[in-house]
N, C-alpha and C. Protein backbone atom coordinates (compact mmCIF):
# COMPACT_ATOMS: atom_id res chain seq x y z
N MET A 1 -20.43 0.10 11.70
CA MET A 1 -19.97 -1.14 11.24
C MET A 1 -19.55 -2.06 12.33
N PRO A 2 -20.07 -3.25 12.42
CA PRO A 2 -19.81 -4.07 13.65
C PRO A 2 -18.46 -4.55 13.65
N ASP A 3 -17.88 -4.87 14.80
CA ASP A 3 -16.54 -5.32 14.94
C ASP A 3 -16.42 -6.75 14.42
N ALA A 4 -15.34 -7.01 13.67
CA ALA A 4 -15.20 -8.30 13.07
C ALA A 4 -14.50 -9.16 14.12
N ALA A 5 -14.86 -10.50 14.08
CA ALA A 5 -14.34 -11.45 15.01
C ALA A 5 -12.82 -11.61 14.63
N PRO A 6 -12.02 -11.93 15.56
CA PRO A 6 -10.61 -12.20 15.16
C PRO A 6 -10.60 -13.44 14.28
N TRP A 7 -9.49 -13.40 13.42
CA TRP A 7 -9.27 -14.53 12.48
C TRP A 7 -8.79 -15.74 13.24
N SER A 8 -9.36 -16.82 12.88
CA SER A 8 -8.92 -18.10 13.50
C SER A 8 -8.68 -19.17 12.31
N PRO A 9 -7.55 -19.93 12.49
CA PRO A 9 -7.27 -20.87 11.47
C PRO A 9 -8.38 -21.90 11.32
N ALA A 10 -9.12 -22.30 12.31
CA ALA A 10 -10.22 -23.20 12.25
C ALA A 10 -11.32 -22.76 11.36
N GLN A 11 -11.52 -21.43 11.23
CA GLN A 11 -12.56 -20.91 10.43
C GLN A 11 -12.35 -21.27 9.00
N TYR A 12 -11.12 -21.49 8.51
CA TYR A 12 -10.87 -21.84 7.16
C TYR A 12 -10.37 -23.22 6.93
N ALA A 13 -10.52 -24.09 7.99
CA ALA A 13 -10.10 -25.46 7.87
C ALA A 13 -11.18 -26.26 7.17
N PHE A 14 -11.21 -26.35 5.89
CA PHE A 14 -12.15 -27.02 5.09
C PHE A 14 -11.94 -28.49 5.16
N ARG A 15 -12.96 -29.23 5.17
CA ARG A 15 -12.90 -30.65 5.26
C ARG A 15 -13.41 -31.32 3.91
N MET A 16 -12.79 -32.48 3.58
CA MET A 16 -13.26 -33.15 2.40
C MET A 16 -14.50 -33.90 2.78
N SER A 17 -15.07 -34.47 1.70
CA SER A 17 -16.45 -35.16 1.89
C SER A 17 -16.27 -36.36 2.88
N ASP A 18 -15.14 -36.95 3.03
CA ASP A 18 -14.93 -38.05 3.97
C ASP A 18 -14.60 -37.66 5.40
N GLY A 19 -14.58 -36.33 5.63
CA GLY A 19 -14.29 -35.84 6.94
C GLY A 19 -12.81 -35.57 7.19
N GLN A 20 -11.97 -35.94 6.27
CA GLN A 20 -10.52 -35.64 6.57
C GLN A 20 -10.21 -34.27 6.00
N LYS A 21 -9.10 -33.73 6.54
CA LYS A 21 -8.64 -32.42 6.13
C LYS A 21 -7.91 -32.62 4.69
N PRO A 22 -7.96 -31.68 3.90
CA PRO A 22 -7.29 -31.77 2.58
C PRO A 22 -5.75 -31.84 2.87
N LEU A 23 -5.00 -32.48 1.97
CA LEU A 23 -3.58 -32.66 2.13
C LEU A 23 -2.88 -31.24 2.11
N ASP A 24 -3.14 -30.49 0.99
CA ASP A 24 -2.58 -29.20 0.79
C ASP A 24 -3.59 -28.15 0.58
N ARG A 25 -3.28 -26.93 1.12
CA ARG A 25 -4.11 -25.74 0.90
C ARG A 25 -3.16 -24.77 0.35
N VAL A 26 -3.69 -23.76 -0.37
CA VAL A 26 -2.93 -22.79 -0.97
C VAL A 26 -2.85 -21.55 -0.09
N TRP A 27 -1.64 -21.12 0.18
CA TRP A 27 -1.43 -19.94 1.06
C TRP A 27 -0.75 -18.84 0.23
N GLU A 28 -1.33 -17.62 0.26
CA GLU A 28 -0.76 -16.54 -0.43
C GLU A 28 0.29 -15.78 0.34
N VAL A 29 1.36 -15.42 -0.20
CA VAL A 29 2.51 -14.78 0.50
C VAL A 29 2.69 -13.40 0.01
N PHE A 30 2.58 -12.48 0.95
CA PHE A 30 2.90 -11.04 0.66
C PHE A 30 4.16 -10.67 1.33
N ARG A 31 5.00 -9.91 0.66
CA ARG A 31 6.29 -9.56 1.24
C ARG A 31 6.61 -8.07 1.21
N GLN A 32 7.42 -7.59 2.04
CA GLN A 32 7.89 -6.19 2.05
C GLN A 32 9.36 -6.21 1.96
N GLU A 33 9.95 -5.54 0.88
CA GLU A 33 11.33 -5.63 0.62
C GLU A 33 12.16 -4.83 1.67
N ALA A 34 11.71 -3.62 2.05
CA ALA A 34 12.37 -2.86 3.06
C ALA A 34 11.42 -2.07 3.84
N GLU A 35 11.80 -1.73 5.08
CA GLU A 35 10.99 -1.04 6.02
C GLU A 35 10.36 0.22 5.28
N GLY A 36 9.04 0.38 5.38
CA GLY A 36 8.34 1.45 4.75
C GLY A 36 7.86 1.22 3.35
N ASP A 37 8.37 0.12 2.73
CA ASP A 37 7.84 -0.18 1.43
C ASP A 37 6.45 -0.81 1.55
N PRO A 38 5.72 -0.78 0.45
CA PRO A 38 4.30 -1.47 0.52
C PRO A 38 4.51 -3.01 0.46
N MET A 39 3.50 -3.70 0.95
CA MET A 39 3.44 -5.10 0.85
C MET A 39 3.06 -5.49 -0.56
N ILE A 40 3.78 -6.43 -1.20
CA ILE A 40 3.48 -6.81 -2.54
C ILE A 40 3.30 -8.37 -2.59
N HIS A 41 2.49 -8.80 -3.48
CA HIS A 41 2.22 -10.26 -3.57
C HIS A 41 3.51 -10.95 -4.09
N GLY A 42 4.06 -11.85 -3.27
CA GLY A 42 5.24 -12.56 -3.74
C GLY A 42 4.96 -13.88 -4.50
N GLY A 43 3.82 -14.48 -4.15
CA GLY A 43 3.51 -15.73 -4.75
C GLY A 43 2.65 -16.52 -3.72
N ASN A 44 2.75 -17.86 -3.86
CA ASN A 44 1.90 -18.74 -2.96
C ASN A 44 2.72 -19.99 -2.74
N VAL A 45 2.33 -20.64 -1.60
CA VAL A 45 2.84 -21.95 -1.25
C VAL A 45 1.76 -22.89 -0.92
N LYS A 46 2.03 -24.16 -1.06
CA LYS A 46 1.02 -25.22 -0.71
C LYS A 46 1.55 -25.90 0.55
N ALA A 47 0.69 -25.92 1.57
CA ALA A 47 0.90 -26.55 2.73
C ALA A 47 -0.37 -27.06 3.42
N PRO A 48 -0.25 -28.09 4.30
CA PRO A 48 -1.48 -28.60 4.90
C PRO A 48 -1.86 -27.77 6.07
N ASP A 49 -0.96 -26.93 6.72
CA ASP A 49 -1.35 -26.15 7.98
C ASP A 49 -0.50 -24.89 7.98
N GLU A 50 -0.85 -24.03 8.83
CA GLU A 50 -0.29 -22.73 8.95
C GLU A 50 1.20 -22.77 9.34
N GLU A 51 1.56 -23.61 10.20
CA GLU A 51 2.91 -23.74 10.69
C GLU A 51 3.89 -24.00 9.40
N LEU A 52 3.44 -25.04 8.69
CA LEU A 52 4.30 -25.43 7.53
C LEU A 52 4.30 -24.38 6.46
N ALA A 53 3.12 -23.66 6.22
CA ALA A 53 3.02 -22.62 5.30
C ALA A 53 4.01 -21.47 5.65
N LEU A 54 4.08 -21.10 6.95
CA LEU A 54 5.03 -20.10 7.43
C LEU A 54 6.56 -20.64 7.15
N HIS A 55 6.82 -21.84 7.39
CA HIS A 55 8.16 -22.39 7.17
C HIS A 55 8.49 -22.31 5.65
N TYR A 56 7.54 -22.74 4.82
CA TYR A 56 7.80 -22.73 3.31
C TYR A 56 7.98 -21.22 2.87
N ALA A 57 7.18 -20.32 3.32
CA ALA A 57 7.22 -18.86 2.92
C ALA A 57 8.55 -18.31 3.37
N ARG A 58 9.04 -18.64 4.59
CA ARG A 58 10.30 -18.14 5.04
C ARG A 58 11.47 -18.70 4.21
N GLU A 59 11.36 -19.98 3.74
CA GLU A 59 12.43 -20.53 2.94
C GLU A 59 12.40 -20.01 1.54
N PHE A 60 11.19 -19.88 0.88
CA PHE A 60 11.08 -19.38 -0.45
C PHE A 60 11.32 -17.80 -0.61
N TYR A 61 10.85 -17.02 0.34
CA TYR A 61 10.83 -15.63 0.18
C TYR A 61 11.70 -14.89 1.19
N GLY A 62 12.41 -15.58 2.08
CA GLY A 62 13.14 -14.81 3.12
C GLY A 62 14.63 -15.39 3.29
N ARG A 63 14.93 -16.40 2.63
CA ARG A 63 16.32 -16.98 2.98
C ARG A 63 17.44 -16.14 2.45
N ARG A 64 17.22 -15.38 1.44
CA ARG A 64 18.30 -14.57 0.82
C ARG A 64 18.14 -13.12 1.27
N GLN A 65 17.46 -12.85 2.32
CA GLN A 65 17.25 -11.55 2.93
C GLN A 65 16.58 -10.55 1.89
N GLU A 66 15.83 -11.07 0.92
CA GLU A 66 15.15 -10.13 0.06
C GLU A 66 13.87 -9.64 0.58
N SER A 67 13.38 -10.13 1.76
CA SER A 67 12.15 -9.72 2.34
C SER A 67 12.40 -9.19 3.76
N HIS A 68 11.82 -8.01 4.08
CA HIS A 68 11.88 -7.55 5.46
C HIS A 68 10.71 -8.13 6.36
N ARG A 69 9.55 -8.34 5.75
CA ARG A 69 8.43 -8.77 6.44
C ARG A 69 7.65 -9.68 5.53
N LEU A 70 7.02 -10.76 6.02
CA LEU A 70 6.07 -11.69 5.26
C LEU A 70 4.73 -11.74 5.93
N TRP A 71 3.77 -11.78 5.04
CA TRP A 71 2.39 -12.09 5.49
C TRP A 71 2.02 -13.35 4.74
N VAL A 72 1.51 -14.35 5.46
CA VAL A 72 1.01 -15.54 4.89
C VAL A 72 -0.43 -15.70 5.20
N VAL A 73 -1.24 -15.88 4.19
CA VAL A 73 -2.69 -15.83 4.40
C VAL A 73 -3.37 -16.99 3.61
N PRO A 74 -4.28 -17.69 4.14
CA PRO A 74 -4.90 -18.75 3.36
C PRO A 74 -5.70 -18.10 2.16
N ARG A 75 -5.68 -18.75 1.06
CA ARG A 75 -6.28 -18.16 -0.16
C ARG A 75 -7.77 -17.92 0.08
N GLU A 76 -8.44 -18.78 0.87
CA GLU A 76 -9.87 -18.67 1.16
C GLU A 76 -10.18 -17.35 1.95
N ALA A 77 -9.16 -16.79 2.67
CA ALA A 77 -9.44 -15.63 3.49
C ALA A 77 -9.37 -14.36 2.68
N ILE A 78 -8.97 -14.41 1.45
CA ILE A 78 -8.86 -13.23 0.63
C ILE A 78 -10.16 -12.93 0.00
N VAL A 79 -10.64 -11.73 0.07
CA VAL A 79 -11.93 -11.33 -0.44
C VAL A 79 -11.72 -10.33 -1.58
N GLU A 80 -12.38 -10.63 -2.65
CA GLU A 80 -12.24 -9.73 -3.85
C GLU A 80 -13.31 -8.65 -3.84
N LEU A 81 -12.87 -7.43 -4.00
CA LEU A 81 -13.90 -6.33 -4.05
C LEU A 81 -13.80 -5.86 -5.55
N ASP A 82 -14.89 -6.15 -6.32
CA ASP A 82 -14.85 -5.77 -7.70
C ASP A 82 -16.16 -4.99 -8.07
N ASP A 83 -16.88 -4.55 -7.08
CA ASP A 83 -18.03 -3.64 -7.36
C ASP A 83 -17.65 -2.21 -7.77
N PRO A 84 -17.90 -1.82 -9.00
CA PRO A 84 -17.44 -0.55 -9.46
C PRO A 84 -18.04 0.64 -8.68
N ASP A 85 -19.20 0.42 -8.01
CA ASP A 85 -19.78 1.51 -7.20
C ASP A 85 -18.93 1.74 -5.96
N LEU A 86 -18.37 0.75 -5.38
CA LEU A 86 -17.53 0.84 -4.21
C LEU A 86 -16.13 1.29 -4.53
N LEU A 87 -15.70 0.99 -5.76
CA LEU A 87 -14.27 1.37 -6.05
C LEU A 87 -14.22 2.81 -6.59
N LYS A 88 -15.26 3.42 -7.06
CA LYS A 88 -15.24 4.83 -7.52
C LYS A 88 -15.75 5.71 -6.45
N PRO A 89 -15.09 6.69 -6.08
CA PRO A 89 -15.62 7.53 -5.00
C PRO A 89 -16.74 8.39 -5.51
N PRO A 90 -17.78 8.64 -4.64
CA PRO A 90 -18.95 9.30 -5.11
C PRO A 90 -18.77 10.79 -5.31
N PHE A 91 -17.75 11.36 -4.70
CA PHE A 91 -17.62 12.77 -4.80
C PHE A 91 -16.31 13.21 -5.57
N ASP A 92 -16.35 14.31 -6.07
CA ASP A 92 -15.21 14.87 -6.81
C ASP A 92 -14.16 15.31 -5.79
N ARG A 93 -13.02 14.69 -5.74
CA ARG A 93 -11.99 15.03 -4.71
C ARG A 93 -10.72 15.42 -5.46
N SER A 94 -10.85 16.02 -6.58
CA SER A 94 -9.71 16.42 -7.31
C SER A 94 -8.80 17.42 -6.62
N PHE A 95 -9.42 18.15 -5.65
CA PHE A 95 -8.64 19.08 -4.90
C PHE A 95 -7.50 18.57 -4.10
N LYS A 96 -7.62 17.13 -3.84
CA LYS A 96 -6.59 16.39 -3.09
C LYS A 96 -5.43 16.04 -3.95
N ARG A 97 -5.50 16.17 -5.22
CA ARG A 97 -4.41 15.81 -6.05
C ARG A 97 -3.34 16.86 -6.20
N PRO A 98 -2.12 16.55 -6.17
CA PRO A 98 -1.15 17.60 -6.32
C PRO A 98 -1.18 18.21 -7.71
N GLY A 99 -0.86 19.47 -7.78
CA GLY A 99 -0.88 20.20 -9.05
C GLY A 99 -2.20 20.78 -9.47
N GLY A 100 -3.15 20.51 -8.64
CA GLY A 100 -4.49 21.14 -8.90
C GLY A 100 -4.69 22.53 -8.52
N TYR A 101 -3.70 23.06 -7.64
CA TYR A 101 -3.80 24.46 -7.19
C TYR A 101 -2.59 25.14 -7.74
N LEU A 102 -2.84 26.04 -8.73
CA LEU A 102 -1.69 26.77 -9.23
C LEU A 102 -1.63 28.22 -8.66
N ILE A 103 -0.45 28.57 -8.29
CA ILE A 103 -0.31 29.94 -7.68
C ILE A 103 0.62 30.88 -8.47
N LYS A 104 1.00 30.40 -9.66
CA LYS A 104 1.92 31.24 -10.52
C LYS A 104 1.41 32.59 -10.73
N HIS A 105 0.03 32.81 -10.98
CA HIS A 105 -0.49 34.12 -11.23
C HIS A 105 -0.51 34.96 -9.97
N LYS A 106 -0.72 34.30 -8.86
CA LYS A 106 -0.71 35.04 -7.52
C LYS A 106 0.75 35.54 -7.24
N LEU A 107 1.67 34.68 -7.48
CA LEU A 107 3.15 35.12 -7.25
C LEU A 107 3.48 36.32 -8.17
N GLU A 108 3.11 36.26 -9.40
CA GLU A 108 3.35 37.39 -10.26
C GLU A 108 2.70 38.69 -9.82
N ALA A 109 1.39 38.54 -9.31
CA ALA A 109 0.76 39.78 -8.78
C ALA A 109 1.46 40.29 -7.58
N ALA A 110 1.89 39.39 -6.65
CA ALA A 110 2.57 39.87 -5.50
C ALA A 110 3.90 40.56 -5.84
N LYS A 111 4.60 40.02 -6.89
CA LYS A 111 5.91 40.62 -7.31
C LYS A 111 5.62 42.03 -7.87
N ALA A 112 4.57 42.16 -8.64
CA ALA A 112 4.18 43.48 -9.21
C ALA A 112 3.79 44.51 -8.12
N ARG A 113 3.10 43.98 -7.09
CA ARG A 113 2.74 44.91 -6.01
C ARG A 113 3.93 45.37 -5.26
N ALA A 114 4.93 44.43 -5.07
CA ALA A 114 6.10 44.76 -4.33
C ALA A 114 7.07 45.72 -5.13
N GLY A 115 6.83 45.73 -6.48
CA GLY A 115 7.57 46.43 -7.46
C GLY A 115 8.79 47.23 -7.01
N ALA A 116 8.85 47.88 -5.93
CA ALA A 116 9.99 48.67 -5.55
C ALA A 116 11.19 47.85 -5.09
N GLY A 117 10.97 46.58 -4.82
CA GLY A 117 12.05 45.72 -4.37
C GLY A 117 13.08 45.52 -5.53
N PRO A 118 14.31 45.26 -5.14
CA PRO A 118 15.32 45.01 -6.23
C PRO A 118 15.11 43.66 -6.96
N ALA A 119 15.31 43.59 -8.24
CA ALA A 119 15.12 42.49 -9.05
C ALA A 119 16.34 41.56 -8.97
N THR A 120 17.57 42.17 -8.89
CA THR A 120 18.80 41.40 -8.87
C THR A 120 19.69 41.84 -7.68
N PRO A 121 20.63 41.13 -7.27
CA PRO A 121 21.57 41.60 -6.19
C PRO A 121 22.34 42.76 -6.59
N ASN A 122 22.70 42.94 -7.82
CA ASN A 122 23.46 44.10 -8.32
C ASN A 122 22.66 45.38 -8.25
N ALA A 123 21.31 45.23 -8.56
CA ALA A 123 20.42 46.35 -8.51
C ALA A 123 20.32 46.88 -7.08
N ALA A 124 20.37 46.05 -6.12
CA ALA A 124 20.38 46.43 -4.65
C ALA A 124 21.54 47.30 -4.35
N GLU A 125 22.78 46.93 -4.84
CA GLU A 125 23.91 47.66 -4.57
C GLU A 125 23.84 48.98 -5.24
N GLU A 126 23.35 49.08 -6.42
CA GLU A 126 23.28 50.31 -7.18
C GLU A 126 22.27 51.21 -6.53
N ALA A 127 21.13 50.70 -5.99
CA ALA A 127 20.23 51.53 -5.34
C ALA A 127 20.67 52.14 -4.10
N SER A 128 21.62 51.47 -3.37
CA SER A 128 22.17 51.97 -2.09
C SER A 128 23.13 53.14 -2.32
N GLU A 129 23.69 53.25 -3.49
CA GLU A 129 24.68 54.29 -3.70
C GLU A 129 24.09 55.60 -4.08
């Protein structure tokens, strides 16, 4: 996979037919409520440039300390992946799911083999007498 070029704001600076920049662009805001939490979509803001979009996002999603971290991304930069072949893994990986490996019968067999061991603390005292 070739290395992607770094993102640049100029890459997404769309121009209107008369050559002027549009007045407002839509910027998507993702926020993290606490360190270690996943980033969730908080909403969007309209702004003509990145600097003002960051300011609006900070005002709308960070002024009450409800966000630990913010990501502000132009809507045009978001790519949708909706191909079902790419979203479904080609191999069965059920072994990675918890609960797929049961050891109850192995524990019972091990207890039966150990059979001579005490079943309760009182039984250990009785066996020592």
